[in-house]
C-alpha atoms as a PDB file:
ATOM      1  CA  MET A   1      54.282 282.480 -31.647  1.00  0.00           C
ATOM      2  CA  PRO A   2      51.886 282.610 -34.954  1.00  0.00           C
ATOM      3  CA  ASN A   3      53.693 282.525 -38.251  1.00  0.00           C
ATOM      4  CA  THR A   4      52.973 285.183 -41.147  1.00  0.00           C
ATOM      5  CA  SER A   5      52.038 282.365 -43.376  1.00  0.00           C
ATOM      6  CA  SER A   6      48.674 280.377 -43.105  1.00  0.00           C
ATOM      7  CA  TYR A   7      50.505 276.960 -44.168  1.00  0.00           C
ATOM      8  CA  PHE A   8      52.880 277.177 -41.338  1.00  0.00           C
ATOM      9  CA  ASN A   9      50.414 277.880 -38.970  1.00  0.00           C
ATOM     10  CA  LEU A  10      48.754 274.642 -40.063  1.00  0.00           C
ATOM     11  CA  LEU A  11      52.189 272.965 -39.581  1.00  0.00           C
ATOM     12  CA  GLU A  12      52.294 273.958 -36.067  1.00  0.00           C
ATOM     13  CA  ASP A  13      48.753 272.487 -35.775  1.00  0.00           C
ATOM     14  CA  VAL A  14      50.108 269.140 -37.048  1.00  0.00           C
ATOM     15  CA  LYS A  15      53.023 269.548 -34.684  1.00  0.00           C
ATOM     16  CA  ASP A  16      51.178 269.929 -31.669  1.00  0.00           C
ATOM     17  CA  LYS A  17      48.222 266.834 -32.799  1.00  0.00           C
ATOM     18  CA  PHE A  18      51.281 264.554 -33.701  1.00  0.00           C
ATOM     19  CA  PRO A  19      53.990 265.208 -31.250  1.00  0.00           C
ATOM     20  CA  GLY A  20      56.012 262.148 -32.463  1.00  0.00           C
ATOM     21  CA  LEU A  21      56.370 262.841 -36.292  1.00  0.00           C
ATOM     22  CA  SER A  22      59.892 264.058 -37.645  1.00  0.00           C
ATOM     23  CA  ARG A  23      60.038 267.336 -39.544  1.00  0.00           C
ATOM     24  CA  LYS A  24      59.651 265.461 -42.735  1.00  0.00           C
ATOM     25  CA  GLU A  25      56.443 263.586 -41.769  1.00  0.00           C
ATOM     26  CA  ILE A  26      54.969 266.882 -40.616  1.00  0.00           C
ATOM     27  CA  VAL A  27      55.887 268.653 -43.555  1.00  0.00           C
ATOM     28  CA  SER A  28      54.415 265.712 -45.604  1.00  0.00           C
ATOM     29  CA  THR A  29      51.494 265.460 -43.395  1.00  0.00           C
ATOM     30  CA  GLY A  30      50.398 268.968 -43.430  1.00  0.00           C
ATOM     31  CA  SER A  31      50.793 269.240 -47.289  1.00  0.00           C
ATOM     32  CA  TYR A  32      48.268 266.366 -47.810  1.00  0.00           C
ATOM     33  CA  ILE A  33      46.127 268.091 -45.378  1.00  0.00           C
ATOM     34  CA  TRP A  34      46.560 271.574 -46.542  1.00  0.00           C
ATOM     35  CA  ASN A  35      45.438 270.377 -50.075  1.00  0.00           C
ATOM     36  CA  GLN A  36      42.067 268.182 -48.578  1.00  0.00           C
ATOM     37  CA  LEU A  37      40.971 271.821 -47.007  1.00  0.00           C
ATOM     38  CA  THR A  38      38.470 274.034 -48.423  1.00  0.00           C
ATOM     39  CA  TRP A  39      38.819 277.731 -48.810  1.00  0.00           C
ATOM     40  CA  GLU A  40      36.591 277.938 -45.380  1.00  0.00           C
ATOM     41  CA  GLU A  41      38.595 275.351 -43.301  1.00  0.00           C
ATOM     42  CA  LYS A  42      41.794 277.522 -44.391  1.00  0.00           C
ATOM     43  CA  TYR A  43      40.190 280.689 -43.569  1.00  0.00           C
ATOM     44  CA  PRO A  44      41.153 280.581 -39.690  1.00  0.00           C
ATOM     45  CA  TYR A  45      45.018 279.847 -40.833  1.00  0.00           C
ATOM     46  CA  MET A  46      45.246 282.918 -43.128  1.00  0.00           C
ATOM     47  CA  VAL A  47      43.390 285.174 -40.365  1.00  0.00           C
ATOM     48  CA  LYS A  48      46.036 283.879 -37.928  1.00  0.00           C
ATOM     49  CA  ALA A  49      48.665 284.854 -40.274  1.00  0.00           C
ATOM     50  CA  TRP A  50      47.299 288.114 -41.804  1.00  0.00           C
ATOM     51  CA  ARG A  51      47.235 289.311 -37.819  1.00  0.00           C
ATOM     52  CA  SER A  52      50.963 288.303 -37.476  1.00  0.00           C
ATOM     53  CA  LYS A  53      52.012 290.343 -40.270  1.00  0.00           C
ATOM     54  CA  ARG A  54      50.094 293.131 -39.657  1.00  0.00           C
ATOM     55  CA  LYS A  55      51.095 292.924 -35.860  1.00  0.00           C
ATOM     56  CA  HIS A  56      54.994 292.690 -36.912  1.00  0.00           C
ATOM     57  CA  SER A  57      54.707 295.137 -39.685  1.00  0.00           C
ATOM     58  CA  SER A  58      53.230 297.690 -37.366  1.00  0.00           C
ATOM     59  CA  ALA A  59      56.094 297.317 -35.226  1.00  0.00           C
ATOM     60  CA  ASN A  60      58.886 297.847 -37.969  1.00  0.00           C
ATOM     61  CA  GLU A  61      57.423 300.966 -39.625  1.00  0.00           C
ATOM     62  CA  PRO A  62      59.218 304.405 -39.183  1.00  0.00           C
ATOM     63  CA  THR A  63      57.620 306.923 -37.060  1.00  0.00           C
ATOM     64  CA  GLY A  64      54.978 309.399 -38.675  1.00  0.00           C
ATOM     65  CA  ALA A  65      57.335 312.438 -39.370  1.00  0.00           C
ATOM     66  CA  ILE A  66      60.324 310.437 -41.244  1.00  0.00           C
ATOM     67  CA  LYS A  67      57.397 308.305 -42.907  1.00  0.00           C
ATOM     68  CA  SER A  68      55.616 311.119 -44.330  1.00  0.00           C
ATOM     69  CA  ASN A  69      59.326 312.871 -45.136  1.00  0.00           C
ATOM     70  CA  PHE A  70      60.376 309.825 -46.938  1.00  0.00           C
ATOM     71  CA  VAL A  71      56.697 309.820 -49.026  1.00  0.00           C
ATOM     72  CA  SER A  72      57.546 313.306 -49.858  1.00  0.00           C
ATOM     73  CA  ARG A  73      60.155 312.960 -51.999  1.00  0.00           C
END
């Protein structure tokens, strides 16, 4: 399941590529990799996070009638 953070999406990839690492090593390695990436290299992780946020937020929004009633107050 994709995360709503681009950095955590990178950590998922690090975990998949290096299955023998401990959590501390995954975060340390992921942090190093993240800081070395350019914006163009980070972009796929950001898009994945954006899509996940959008998917989860639309599922949790109230229905139109309730939403419009709330906005009009």
